[in-house]
Amino acid sequence: MARLSSVLYIAAAATSAIAGMLHLMLGPNNLDSNINQGILFIVGGSAQVFWIIPMVRRWGIPWYAIGIGGTIVFMALWIITRMPGNPITGRGGPAGNPIAITIEVFQAAFIGLAAAIIIYEHRKKKQEVVGESSSTATKSRGMQLPILGGIVIALILIGLFALPAMMPSPMGGGGGGGLPRQGGGAPPPSAGQLEALQGQVPQQESVTGS
């Protein structure tokens, strides 16, 4: 039973972290077009990654409930902004974005896992007998905080900088990063093509002059 409960806490932390990193990945790309949405993704994504610590260190039911509430707000905002004429964006956004759908799946998984943890701890409190085993377990978990803090910082930085750099350009086209051609036309002719064109000029003049 103890091993199963540990899997629940780790799985809940992982789902929250993945959803948060995906939000962080979307945040910088939205700052230019929609700064409010970009800030929401960065702040909310950072909070979701931070929630690794309350879940792994088992801070208690209030923290799990806050995590569930914040995730529900995120999901509600996404659902509302998919509706045409909504009060937030005024228009319905696309519902088939694969990244957005992935985020919602992991957020729903976090809600389910966190709810299962709350039920588990509520039942455990009724049967719990405080002893030395629980106190020693608490002391051993105290050494996890610096490690978890480093993991949270690393994941936030990856989500903010590494993942956005891996996203494809929204303007499409090839993978080159050079400057766009003026007028969007064909590339300039090569030296061989110029020589061929120069050799054809006198012939064209003679034809038109006849």
N, C-alpha and C. Protein backbone atom coordinates (compact mmCIF):
# COMPACT_ATOMS: atom_id res chain seq x y z
N MET A 1 0.83 -1.21 0.00
CA MET A 1 0.00 0.00 0.00
C MET A 1 0.87 1.26 0.00
N ALA A 2 1.97 1.21 0.75
CA ALA A 2 2.85 2.38 0.81
C ALA A 2 3.47 2.65 -0.55
N ARG A 3 3.83 1.57 -1.29
CA ARG A 3 4.41 1.76 -2.60
C ARG A 3 3.40 2.37 -3.57
N LEU A 4 2.14 1.91 -3.47
CA LEU A 4 1.10 2.46 -4.34
C LEU A 4 0.87 3.94 -4.05
N SER A 5 0.89 4.33 -2.78
CA SER A 5 0.70 5.73 -2.44
C SER A 5 1.87 6.57 -2.97
N SER A 6 3.09 6.06 -2.91
CA SER A 6 4.24 6.80 -3.44
C SER A 6 4.09 7.02 -4.94
N VAL A 7 3.58 6.02 -5.66
CA VAL A 7 3.35 6.16 -7.09
C VAL A 7 2.34 7.26 -7.36
N LEU A 8 1.30 7.37 -6.52
CA LEU A 8 0.30 8.41 -6.69
C LEU A 8 0.92 9.80 -6.58
N TYR A 9 1.74 10.01 -5.55
CA TYR A 9 2.36 11.32 -5.35
C TYR A 9 3.31 11.67 -6.50
N ILE A 10 4.12 10.70 -6.93
CA ILE A 10 5.07 10.96 -8.01
C ILE A 10 4.34 11.22 -9.32
N ALA A 11 3.29 10.44 -9.59
CA ALA A 11 2.53 10.63 -10.82
C ALA A 11 1.84 11.99 -10.84
N ALA A 12 1.29 12.41 -9.71
CA ALA A 12 0.65 13.73 -9.64
C ALA A 12 1.67 14.84 -9.88
N ALA A 13 2.86 14.69 -9.28
CA ALA A 13 3.91 15.70 -9.50
C ALA A 13 4.34 15.73 -10.96
N ALA A 14 4.44 14.56 -11.59
CA ALA A 14 4.87 14.51 -12.98
C ALA A 14 3.84 15.14 -13.92
N THR A 15 2.56 14.86 -13.71
CA THR A 15 1.54 15.45 -14.58
C THR A 15 1.48 16.96 -14.45
N SER A 16 1.62 17.45 -13.22
CA SER A 16 1.63 18.90 -13.02
C SER A 16 2.85 19.54 -13.66
N ALA A 17 4.01 18.87 -13.55
CA ALA A 17 5.24 19.42 -14.13
C ALA A 17 5.18 19.46 -15.65
N ILE A 18 4.64 18.41 -16.27
CA ILE A 18 4.56 18.37 -17.73
C ILE A 18 3.62 19.46 -18.24
N ALA A 19 2.44 19.59 -17.61
CA ALA A 19 1.52 20.65 -18.02
C ALA A 19 2.15 22.02 -17.84
N GLY A 20 2.88 22.21 -16.74
CA GLY A 20 3.53 23.49 -16.51
C GLY A 20 4.61 23.80 -17.52
N MET A 21 5.41 22.80 -17.89
CA MET A 21 6.47 23.03 -18.87
C MET A 21 5.89 23.35 -20.25
N LEU A 22 4.78 22.72 -20.60
CA LEU A 22 4.14 23.04 -21.88
C LEU A 22 3.58 24.46 -21.87
N HIS A 23 3.03 24.89 -20.73
CA HIS A 23 2.58 26.28 -20.62
C HIS A 23 3.77 27.23 -20.73
N LEU A 24 4.88 26.89 -20.10
CA LEU A 24 6.08 27.74 -20.19
C LEU A 24 6.60 27.78 -21.62
N MET A 25 6.47 26.69 -22.35
CA MET A 25 6.90 26.67 -23.74
C MET A 25 6.08 27.63 -24.59
N LEU A 26 4.78 27.72 -24.30
CA LEU A 26 3.90 28.60 -25.07
C LEU A 26 4.02 30.06 -24.65
N GLY A 27 4.44 30.31 -23.41
CA GLY A 27 4.45 31.67 -22.89
C GLY A 27 5.26 32.67 -23.69
N PRO A 28 6.57 32.44 -23.91
CA PRO A 28 7.36 33.44 -24.64
C PRO A 28 6.86 33.71 -26.05
N ASN A 29 6.31 32.69 -26.72
CA ASN A 29 5.83 32.88 -28.09
C ASN A 29 4.55 33.72 -28.15
N ASN A 30 3.87 33.88 -27.01
CA ASN A 30 2.64 34.67 -26.97
C ASN A 30 2.85 36.09 -26.48
N LEU A 31 4.06 36.42 -26.04
CA LEU A 31 4.29 37.76 -25.49
C LEU A 31 4.14 38.85 -26.54
N ASP A 32 4.51 38.56 -27.78
CA ASP A 32 4.42 39.57 -28.83
C ASP A 32 2.98 39.79 -29.29
N SER A 33 2.22 38.71 -29.47
CA SER A 33 0.86 38.82 -29.99
C SER A 33 -0.16 39.08 -28.90
N ASN A 34 0.01 38.48 -27.72
CA ASN A 34 -0.96 38.62 -26.63
C ASN A 34 -0.18 38.57 -25.32
N ILE A 35 0.22 39.73 -24.82
CA ILE A 35 1.10 39.78 -23.65
C ILE A 35 0.42 39.23 -22.41
N ASN A 36 -0.90 39.47 -22.26
CA ASN A 36 -1.60 38.96 -21.08
C ASN A 36 -1.61 37.43 -21.07
N GLN A 37 -1.86 36.84 -22.22
CA GLN A 37 -1.85 35.39 -22.30
C GLN A 37 -0.45 34.84 -22.07
N GLY A 38 0.56 35.52 -22.62
CA GLY A 38 1.92 35.07 -22.41
C GLY A 38 2.31 35.10 -20.93
N ILE A 39 1.95 36.17 -20.24
CA ILE A 39 2.26 36.26 -18.80
C ILE A 39 1.50 35.19 -18.02
N LEU A 40 0.23 34.94 -18.40
CA LEU A 40 -0.55 33.91 -17.73
C LEU A 40 0.11 32.55 -17.87
N PHE A 41 0.59 32.23 -19.07
CA PHE A 41 1.23 30.95 -19.29
C PHE A 41 2.52 30.83 -18.49
N ILE A 42 3.30 31.91 -18.44
CA ILE A 42 4.58 31.85 -17.73
C ILE A 42 4.37 31.73 -16.22
N VAL A 43 3.47 32.56 -15.67
CA VAL A 43 3.23 32.51 -14.22
C VAL A 43 2.55 31.21 -13.83
N GLY A 44 1.49 30.85 -14.56
CA GLY A 44 0.77 29.62 -14.23
C GLY A 44 1.63 28.39 -14.45
N GLY A 45 2.40 28.37 -15.54
CA GLY A 45 3.28 27.23 -15.78
C GLY A 45 4.34 27.08 -14.71
N SER A 46 4.90 28.20 -14.25
CA SER A 46 5.88 28.14 -13.16
C SER A 46 5.26 27.58 -11.89
N ALA A 47 4.02 27.99 -11.61
CA ALA A 47 3.33 27.47 -10.42
C ALA A 47 3.08 25.97 -10.54
N GLN A 48 2.73 25.52 -11.75
CA GLN A 48 2.48 24.09 -11.92
C GLN A 48 3.77 23.28 -11.75
N VAL A 49 4.88 23.79 -12.25
CA VAL A 49 6.15 23.10 -12.04
C VAL A 49 6.53 23.12 -10.57
N PHE A 50 6.30 24.26 -9.90
CA PHE A 50 6.60 24.35 -8.46
C PHE A 50 5.81 23.32 -7.66
N TRP A 51 4.63 22.95 -8.15
CA TRP A 51 3.77 22.03 -7.38
C TRP A 51 4.34 20.63 -7.29
N ILE A 52 5.50 20.40 -7.91
CA ILE A 52 6.23 19.15 -7.66
C ILE A 52 6.54 19.02 -6.17
N ILE A 53 6.95 20.14 -5.56
CA ILE A 53 7.40 20.09 -4.16
C ILE A 53 6.27 19.72 -3.21
N PRO A 54 5.10 20.39 -3.24
CA PRO A 54 4.03 19.98 -2.33
C PRO A 54 3.58 18.53 -2.53
N MET A 55 3.63 18.05 -3.78
CA MET A 55 3.16 16.69 -4.02
C MET A 55 4.18 15.65 -3.55
N VAL A 56 5.45 15.85 -3.88
CA VAL A 56 6.46 14.86 -3.50
C VAL A 56 6.72 14.87 -2.00
N ARG A 57 6.72 16.06 -1.40
CA ARG A 57 6.99 16.16 0.04
C ARG A 57 5.73 15.99 0.89
N ARG A 58 4.58 15.86 0.21
CA ARG A 58 3.32 15.56 0.90
C ARG A 58 2.99 16.62 1.94
N TRP A 59 2.81 17.85 1.46
CA TRP A 59 2.56 18.95 2.37
C TRP A 59 1.16 18.94 2.97
N GLY A 60 0.27 18.16 2.43
CA GLY A 60 -1.02 18.04 3.07
C GLY A 60 -2.18 18.41 2.16
N ILE A 61 -3.37 18.09 2.63
CA ILE A 61 -4.59 18.25 1.83
C ILE A 61 -4.82 19.69 1.38
N PRO A 62 -4.57 20.72 2.19
CA PRO A 62 -4.79 22.10 1.69
C PRO A 62 -3.98 22.40 0.43
N TRP A 63 -2.74 21.95 0.38
CA TRP A 63 -1.91 22.19 -0.80
C TRP A 63 -2.44 21.43 -2.01
N TYR A 64 -2.89 20.20 -1.79
CA TYR A 64 -3.44 19.44 -2.91
C TYR A 64 -4.71 20.11 -3.44
N ALA A 65 -5.52 20.63 -2.52
CA ALA A 65 -6.76 21.29 -2.93
C ALA A 65 -6.48 22.57 -3.72
N ILE A 66 -5.46 23.32 -3.28
CA ILE A 66 -5.08 24.53 -4.03
C ILE A 66 -4.62 24.17 -5.43
N GLY A 67 -3.83 23.11 -5.54
CA GLY A 67 -3.38 22.66 -6.85
C GLY A 67 -4.54 22.27 -7.75
N ILE A 68 -5.51 21.57 -7.19
CA ILE A 68 -6.70 21.19 -7.97
C ILE A 68 -7.46 22.43 -8.40
N GLY A 69 -7.65 23.39 -7.48
CA GLY A 69 -8.40 24.60 -7.81
C GLY A 69 -7.73 25.41 -8.91
N GLY A 70 -6.41 25.59 -8.82
CA GLY A 70 -5.70 26.34 -9.85
C GLY A 70 -5.76 25.65 -11.20
N THR A 71 -5.66 24.34 -11.20
CA THR A 71 -5.73 23.60 -12.46
C THR A 71 -7.13 23.69 -13.07
N ILE A 72 -8.16 23.64 -12.23
CA ILE A 72 -9.53 23.79 -12.74
C ILE A 72 -9.72 25.16 -13.37
N VAL A 73 -9.15 26.20 -12.77
CA VAL A 73 -9.24 27.54 -13.35
C VAL A 73 -8.57 27.58 -14.72
N PHE A 74 -7.41 26.97 -14.83
CA PHE A 74 -6.72 26.90 -16.12
C PHE A 74 -7.59 26.21 -17.17
N MET A 75 -8.17 25.09 -16.81
CA MET A 75 -9.00 24.34 -17.75
C MET A 75 -10.26 25.12 -18.11
N ALA A 76 -10.84 25.80 -17.12
CA ALA A 76 -12.04 26.59 -17.39
C ALA A 76 -11.75 27.73 -18.36
N LEU A 77 -10.59 28.38 -18.19
CA LEU A 77 -10.21 29.45 -19.11
C LEU A 77 -10.07 28.93 -20.53
N TRP A 78 -9.48 27.75 -20.66
CA TRP A 78 -9.31 27.18 -22.00
C TRP A 78 -10.67 26.86 -22.63
N ILE A 79 -11.57 26.28 -21.84
CA ILE A 79 -12.90 25.93 -22.38
C ILE A 79 -13.66 27.19 -22.77
N ILE A 80 -13.61 28.22 -21.93
CA ILE A 80 -14.34 29.45 -22.21
C ILE A 80 -13.81 30.12 -23.47
N THR A 81 -12.49 30.16 -23.62
CA THR A 81 -11.92 30.84 -24.79
C THR A 81 -12.10 30.04 -26.08
N ARG A 82 -12.62 28.83 -26.01
CA ARG A 82 -12.96 28.10 -27.23
C ARG A 82 -14.34 28.49 -27.75
N MET A 83 -15.14 29.16 -26.93
CA MET A 83 -16.51 29.50 -27.30
C MET A 83 -16.54 30.82 -28.07
N PRO A 84 -17.29 30.89 -29.17
CA PRO A 84 -17.39 32.16 -29.91
C PRO A 84 -18.12 33.21 -29.09
N GLY A 85 -17.63 34.45 -29.17
CA GLY A 85 -18.24 35.55 -28.44
C GLY A 85 -18.04 35.49 -26.94
N ASN A 86 -17.00 34.80 -26.48
CA ASN A 86 -16.77 34.70 -25.04
C ASN A 86 -16.28 36.04 -24.49
N PRO A 87 -16.48 36.29 -23.19
CA PRO A 87 -16.12 37.60 -22.62
C PRO A 87 -14.63 37.84 -22.47
N ILE A 88 -13.78 36.85 -22.70
CA ILE A 88 -12.34 37.00 -22.50
C ILE A 88 -11.65 37.45 -23.78
N THR A 89 -11.87 36.72 -24.87
CA THR A 89 -11.23 37.05 -26.14
C THR A 89 -12.20 37.60 -27.17
N GLY A 90 -13.49 37.40 -26.96
CA GLY A 90 -14.49 37.87 -27.91
C GLY A 90 -14.68 36.97 -29.11
N ARG A 91 -13.88 35.94 -29.23
CA ARG A 91 -14.00 35.01 -30.36
C ARG A 91 -13.57 33.63 -29.90
N GLY A 92 -14.02 32.63 -30.60
CA GLY A 92 -13.68 31.26 -30.25
C GLY A 92 -12.35 30.85 -30.83
N GLY A 93 -11.49 30.33 -30.01
CA GLY A 93 -10.19 29.88 -30.48
C GLY A 93 -10.26 28.46 -31.01
N PRO A 94 -9.23 28.01 -31.73
CA PRO A 94 -9.23 26.65 -32.26
C PRO A 94 -9.14 25.62 -31.14
N ALA A 95 -9.94 24.57 -31.26
CA ALA A 95 -9.97 23.54 -30.21
C ALA A 95 -9.11 22.34 -30.55
N GLY A 96 -8.50 22.31 -31.73
CA GLY A 96 -7.75 21.14 -32.15
C GLY A 96 -6.25 21.27 -32.04
N ASN A 97 -5.76 22.28 -31.31
CA ASN A 97 -4.32 22.44 -31.14
C ASN A 97 -3.77 21.26 -30.35
N PRO A 98 -2.83 20.48 -30.92
CA PRO A 98 -2.36 19.27 -30.21
C PRO A 98 -1.66 19.59 -28.90
N ILE A 99 -0.92 20.71 -28.83
CA ILE A 99 -0.24 21.05 -27.58
C ILE A 99 -1.27 21.40 -26.50
N ALA A 100 -2.29 22.17 -26.88
CA ALA A 100 -3.33 22.53 -25.91
C ALA A 100 -4.08 21.30 -25.42
N ILE A 101 -4.38 20.38 -26.32
CA ILE A 101 -5.08 19.15 -25.92
C ILE A 101 -4.20 18.33 -24.98
N THR A 102 -2.91 18.26 -25.27
CA THR A 102 -1.99 17.53 -24.39
C THR A 102 -1.96 18.15 -23.01
N ILE A 103 -1.93 19.48 -22.95
CA ILE A 103 -1.95 20.17 -21.65
C ILE A 103 -3.21 19.81 -20.87
N GLU A 104 -4.36 19.85 -21.54
CA GLU A 104 -5.61 19.56 -20.85
C GLU A 104 -5.65 18.12 -20.35
N VAL A 105 -5.10 17.20 -21.11
CA VAL A 105 -5.08 15.79 -20.68
C VAL A 105 -4.24 15.64 -19.40
N PHE A 106 -3.06 16.25 -19.38
CA PHE A 106 -2.22 16.15 -18.19
C PHE A 106 -2.83 16.90 -17.00
N GLN A 107 -3.50 18.01 -17.26
CA GLN A 107 -4.16 18.72 -16.17
C GLN A 107 -5.31 17.90 -15.59
N ALA A 108 -6.08 17.27 -16.45
CA ALA A 108 -7.16 16.41 -15.97
C ALA A 108 -6.60 15.23 -15.17
N ALA A 109 -5.47 14.68 -15.64
CA ALA A 109 -4.83 13.58 -14.90
C ALA A 109 -4.37 14.04 -13.53
N PHE A 110 -3.82 15.26 -13.46
CA PHE A 110 -3.38 15.78 -12.16
C PHE A 110 -4.56 15.93 -11.21
N ILE A 111 -5.67 16.45 -11.71
CA ILE A 111 -6.84 16.62 -10.85
C ILE A 111 -7.30 15.28 -10.30
N GLY A 112 -7.35 14.26 -11.17
CA GLY A 112 -7.77 12.94 -10.70
C GLY A 112 -6.81 12.34 -9.69
N LEU A 113 -5.51 12.46 -9.93
CA LEU A 113 -4.53 11.91 -9.01
C LEU A 113 -4.52 12.66 -7.68
N ALA A 114 -4.59 14.00 -7.74
CA ALA A 114 -4.62 14.78 -6.50
C ALA A 114 -5.87 14.47 -5.68
N ALA A 115 -7.01 14.28 -6.36
CA ALA A 115 -8.23 13.91 -5.64
C ALA A 115 -8.09 12.54 -4.98
N ALA A 116 -7.44 11.60 -5.69
CA ALA A 116 -7.21 10.28 -5.09
C ALA A 116 -6.29 10.37 -3.88
N ILE A 117 -5.30 11.27 -3.94
CA ILE A 117 -4.40 11.45 -2.80
C ILE A 117 -5.15 12.03 -1.60
N ILE A 118 -6.04 12.99 -1.87
CA ILE A 118 -6.82 13.57 -0.77
C ILE A 118 -7.67 12.50 -0.10
N ILE A 119 -8.31 11.65 -0.89
CA ILE A 119 -9.12 10.57 -0.32
C ILE A 119 -8.24 9.61 0.48
N TYR A 120 -7.07 9.30 -0.07
CA TYR A 120 -6.17 8.38 0.62
C TYR A 120 -5.71 8.95 1.97
N GLU A 121 -5.30 10.23 1.97
CA GLU A 121 -4.81 10.80 3.22
C GLU A 121 -5.95 11.00 4.23
N HIS A 122 -7.14 11.29 3.73
CA HIS A 122 -8.28 11.45 4.65
C HIS A 122 -8.59 10.13 5.36
N ARG A 123 -8.53 9.05 4.61
CA ARG A 123 -8.77 7.74 5.23
C ARG A 123 -7.62 7.34 6.14
N LYS A 124 -6.40 7.71 5.73
CA LYS A 124 -5.23 7.34 6.51
C LYS A 124 -5.24 8.03 7.87
N LYS A 125 -5.72 9.27 7.93
CA LYS A 125 -5.75 10.01 9.20
C LYS A 125 -6.66 9.33 10.21
N LYS A 126 -7.69 8.69 9.72
CA LYS A 126 -8.61 8.02 10.64
C LYS A 126 -7.98 6.80 11.28
N GLN A 127 -7.02 6.19 10.60
CA GLN A 127 -6.42 4.95 11.09
C GLN A 127 -4.98 5.14 11.56
N GLU A 128 -4.49 6.36 11.45
CA GLU A 128 -3.07 6.58 11.72
C GLU A 128 -2.78 6.57 13.21
N VAL A 129 -1.69 5.89 13.55
CA VAL A 129 -1.18 5.89 14.91
C VAL A 129 0.22 6.49 14.86
N VAL A 130 0.39 7.64 15.49
CA VAL A 130 1.66 8.34 15.43
C VAL A 130 2.72 7.52 16.18
N GLY A 131 3.86 7.28 15.50
CA GLY A 131 4.94 6.49 16.10
C GLY A 131 6.28 6.94 15.57
N GLU A 132 7.29 6.17 15.90
CA GLU A 132 8.64 6.52 15.49
C GLU A 132 8.82 6.41 13.99
N SER A 133 8.11 5.46 13.37
CA SER A 133 8.28 5.28 11.94
C SER A 133 7.88 6.52 11.16
N SER A 134 6.78 7.16 11.57
CA SER A 134 6.34 8.37 10.87
C SER A 134 7.30 9.51 11.09
N SER A 135 7.88 9.64 12.30
CA SER A 135 8.80 10.74 12.56
C SER A 135 10.10 10.57 11.78
N THR A 136 10.61 9.33 11.71
CA THR A 136 11.82 9.12 10.95
C THR A 136 11.61 9.36 9.47
N ALA A 137 10.41 9.01 8.97
CA ALA A 137 10.13 9.26 7.56
C ALA A 137 10.09 10.75 7.28
N THR A 138 9.56 11.53 8.24
CA THR A 138 9.51 12.98 8.05
C THR A 138 10.92 13.56 8.02
N LYS A 139 11.82 13.06 8.88
CA LYS A 139 13.19 13.56 8.88
C LYS A 139 13.91 13.22 7.58
N SER A 140 13.67 12.03 7.05
CA SER A 140 14.34 11.66 5.81
C SER A 140 13.84 12.50 4.63
N ARG A 141 12.57 12.87 4.66
CA ARG A 141 12.05 13.70 3.57
C ARG A 141 12.55 15.13 3.65
N GLY A 142 13.05 15.55 4.82
CA GLY A 142 13.55 16.90 4.95
C GLY A 142 14.77 17.18 4.10
N MET A 143 15.52 16.14 3.73
CA MET A 143 16.70 16.31 2.89
C MET A 143 16.34 16.47 1.42
N GLN A 144 15.09 16.25 1.06
CA GLN A 144 14.69 16.30 -0.34
C GLN A 144 14.49 17.72 -0.85
N LEU A 145 14.27 18.69 0.04
CA LEU A 145 13.89 20.03 -0.40
C LEU A 145 14.92 20.69 -1.30
N PRO A 146 16.22 20.72 -0.97
CA PRO A 146 17.17 21.36 -1.90
C PRO A 146 17.20 20.68 -3.28
N ILE A 147 17.10 19.35 -3.29
CA ILE A 147 17.11 18.63 -4.57
C ILE A 147 15.88 18.98 -5.38
N LEU A 148 14.71 18.96 -4.74
CA LEU A 148 13.48 19.29 -5.45
C LEU A 148 13.49 20.74 -5.94
N GLY A 149 14.04 21.64 -5.12
CA GLY A 149 14.12 23.03 -5.55
C GLY A 149 14.98 23.18 -6.80
N GLY A 150 16.09 22.48 -6.85
CA GLY A 150 16.93 22.52 -8.05
C GLY A 150 16.22 21.95 -9.26
N ILE A 151 15.48 20.86 -9.06
CA ILE A 151 14.73 20.27 -10.17
C ILE A 151 13.68 21.24 -10.69
N VAL A 152 12.97 21.91 -9.78
CA VAL A 152 11.94 22.87 -10.19
C VAL A 152 12.55 24.00 -11.00
N ILE A 153 13.65 24.56 -10.53
CA ILE A 153 14.31 25.66 -11.25
C ILE A 153 14.77 25.20 -12.63
N ALA A 154 15.35 24.00 -12.69
CA ALA A 154 15.83 23.48 -13.97
C ALA A 154 14.68 23.28 -14.96
N LEU A 155 13.57 22.74 -14.49
CA LEU A 155 12.43 22.50 -15.38
C LEU A 155 11.81 23.81 -15.87
N ILE A 156 11.75 24.82 -14.99
CA ILE A 156 11.21 26.11 -15.40
C ILE A 156 12.10 26.74 -16.48
N LEU A 157 13.41 26.67 -16.30
CA LEU A 157 14.32 27.23 -17.30
C LEU A 157 14.23 26.47 -18.62
N ILE A 158 14.09 25.16 -18.55
CA ILE A 158 13.94 24.38 -19.78
C ILE A 158 12.65 24.76 -20.50
N GLY A 159 11.57 24.89 -19.72
CA GLY A 159 10.30 25.25 -20.33
C GLY A 159 10.29 26.64 -20.93
N LEU A 160 11.04 27.57 -20.32
CA LEU A 160 11.05 28.95 -20.80
C LEU A 160 11.97 29.17 -22.00
N PHE A 161 13.09 28.47 -22.03
CA PHE A 161 14.12 28.78 -23.03
C PHE A 161 14.39 27.64 -24.01
N ALA A 162 14.50 26.43 -23.51
CA ALA A 162 14.86 25.32 -24.40
C ALA A 162 13.69 24.88 -25.27
N LEU A 163 12.53 24.66 -24.66
CA LEU A 163 11.38 24.16 -25.43
C LEU A 163 10.89 25.17 -26.46
N PRO A 164 10.77 26.49 -26.15
CA PRO A 164 10.34 27.42 -27.21
C PRO A 164 11.30 27.45 -28.40
N ALA A 165 12.59 27.26 -28.16
CA ALA A 165 13.54 27.25 -29.26
C ALA A 165 13.35 26.05 -30.18
N MET A 166 12.75 24.99 -29.66
CA MET A 166 12.52 23.79 -30.45
C MET A 166 11.22 23.84 -31.24
N MET A 167 10.36 24.81 -30.94
CA MET A 167 9.09 24.90 -31.64
C MET A 167 9.31 25.40 -33.06
N PRO A 168 8.51 24.90 -34.03
CA PRO A 168 8.65 25.40 -35.41
C PRO A 168 8.18 26.83 -35.52
N SER A 169 8.69 27.53 -36.54
CA SER A 169 8.31 28.92 -36.76
C SER A 169 6.85 29.01 -37.13
N PRO A 170 6.08 29.95 -36.55
CA PRO A 170 4.66 30.04 -36.88
C PRO A 170 4.38 30.52 -38.29
N MET A 171 5.38 31.12 -38.97
CA MET A 171 5.17 31.63 -40.32
C MET A 171 5.35 30.57 -41.38
N GLY A 172 5.76 29.35 -40.99
CA GLY A 172 5.93 28.28 -41.96
C GLY A 172 7.16 28.50 -42.79
N GLY A 173 7.20 27.84 -43.94
CA GLY A 173 8.34 27.96 -44.83
C GLY A 173 9.43 27.01 -44.42
N GLY A 174 10.59 27.20 -45.01
CA GLY A 174 11.72 26.31 -44.76
C GLY A 174 12.32 26.56 -43.41
N GLY A 175 13.31 25.77 -43.11
CA GLY A 175 13.93 25.87 -41.80
C GLY A 175 15.01 26.91 -41.74
N GLY A 176 15.31 27.61 -42.83
CA GLY A 176 16.39 28.58 -42.81
C GLY A 176 16.07 29.78 -41.98
N GLY A 177 17.07 30.37 -41.39
CA GLY A 177 16.85 31.53 -40.55
C GLY A 177 17.36 32.80 -41.16
N GLY A 178 17.57 32.83 -42.48
CA GLY A 178 18.11 34.03 -43.11
C GLY A 178 17.06 35.10 -43.28
N LEU A 179 17.49 36.24 -43.80
CA LEU A 179 16.57 37.34 -44.04
C LEU A 179 15.64 37.01 -45.18
N PRO A 180 14.38 37.48 -45.14
CA PRO A 180 13.45 37.21 -46.24
C PRO A 180 13.86 37.98 -47.49
N ARG A 181 13.56 37.39 -48.64
CA ARG A 181 13.86 38.06 -49.90
C ARG A 181 12.89 39.21 -50.12
N GLN A 182 13.37 40.27 -50.70
CA GLN A 182 12.55 41.44 -50.96
C GLN A 182 11.52 41.08 -52.03
N GLY A 183 10.28 41.45 -51.75
CA GLY A 183 9.21 41.20 -52.70
C GLY A 183 8.75 39.77 -52.73
N GLY A 184 9.42 38.88 -52.03
CA GLY A 184 9.00 37.50 -51.99
C GLY A 184 9.16 36.78 -53.31
N GLY A 185 9.97 37.30 -54.23
CA GLY A 185 10.09 36.71 -55.55
C GLY A 185 11.11 35.59 -55.59
N ALA A 186 11.47 35.21 -56.83
CA ALA A 186 12.43 34.14 -57.01
C ALA A 186 13.82 34.62 -56.65
N PRO A 187 14.75 33.72 -56.36
CA PRO A 187 16.12 34.12 -56.03
C PRO A 187 16.81 34.71 -57.24
N PRO A 188 17.81 35.57 -57.05
CA PRO A 188 18.52 36.19 -58.18
C PRO A 188 19.21 35.15 -59.03
N PRO A 189 19.35 35.41 -60.35
CA PRO A 189 20.00 34.42 -61.22
C PRO A 189 21.47 34.27 -60.89
N SER A 190 21.97 33.08 -61.19
CA SER A 190 23.37 32.81 -60.94
C SER A 190 24.23 33.43 -62.04
N ALA A 191 25.56 33.31 -61.87
CA ALA A 191 26.48 33.89 -62.86
C ALA A 191 26.31 33.22 -64.21
N GLY A 192 26.12 31.89 -64.21
CA GLY A 192 25.92 31.19 -65.47
C GLY A 192 24.66 31.62 -66.19
N GLN A 193 23.60 31.84 -65.42
CA GLN A 193 22.35 32.29 -66.03
C GLN A 193 22.50 33.70 -66.60
N LEU A 194 23.25 34.56 -65.91
CA LEU A 194 23.46 35.91 -66.42
C LEU A 194 24.21 35.89 -67.74
N GLU A 195 25.24 35.03 -67.83
CA GLU A 195 25.98 34.93 -69.09
C GLU A 195 25.09 34.44 -70.22
N ALA A 196 24.22 33.46 -69.91
CA ALA A 196 23.31 32.96 -70.94
C ALA A 196 22.35 34.04 -71.40
N LEU A 197 21.86 34.84 -70.43
CA LEU A 197 20.93 35.91 -70.78
C LEU A 197 21.63 36.97 -71.61
N GLN A 198 22.87 37.30 -71.25
CA GLN A 198 23.60 38.31 -72.02
C GLN A 198 23.88 37.84 -73.44
N GLY A 199 24.07 36.52 -73.61
CA GLY A 199 24.29 36.00 -74.94
C GLY A 199 23.06 36.00 -75.81
N GLN A 200 21.88 36.05 -75.16
CA GLN A 200 20.63 36.04 -75.92
C GLN A 200 20.16 37.43 -76.28
N VAL A 201 20.70 38.46 -75.68
CA VAL A 201 20.20 39.81 -75.92
C VAL A 201 20.34 40.26 -77.36
N PRO A 202 21.53 40.11 -77.99
CA PRO A 202 21.63 40.57 -79.38
C PRO A 202 20.69 39.85 -80.31
N GLN A 203 20.46 38.53 -80.10
CA GLN A 203 19.55 37.80 -80.96
C GLN A 203 18.13 38.33 -80.84
N GLN A 204 17.70 38.64 -79.61
CA GLN A 204 16.35 39.16 -79.42
C GLN A 204 16.19 40.53 -80.10
N GLU A 205 17.25 41.37 -80.06
CA GLU A 205 17.15 42.69 -80.69
C GLU A 205 17.07 42.56 -82.21
N SER A 206 17.82 41.61 -82.76
CA SER A 206 17.79 41.44 -84.20
C SER A 206 16.44 40.94 -84.67
N VAL A 207 15.81 40.11 -83.86
CA VAL A 207 14.49 39.60 -84.25
C VAL A 207 13.46 40.72 -84.22
N THR A 208 13.49 41.51 -83.15
CA THR A 208 12.50 42.57 -83.03
C THR A 208 12.74 43.67 -84.06
N GLY A 209 13.99 43.82 -84.49
CA GLY A 209 14.29 44.88 -85.46
C GLY A 209 14.01 44.49 -86.90
N SER A 210 13.73 43.23 -87.20
CA SER A 210 13.53 42.79 -88.57
C SER A 210 12.12 43.09 -89.06
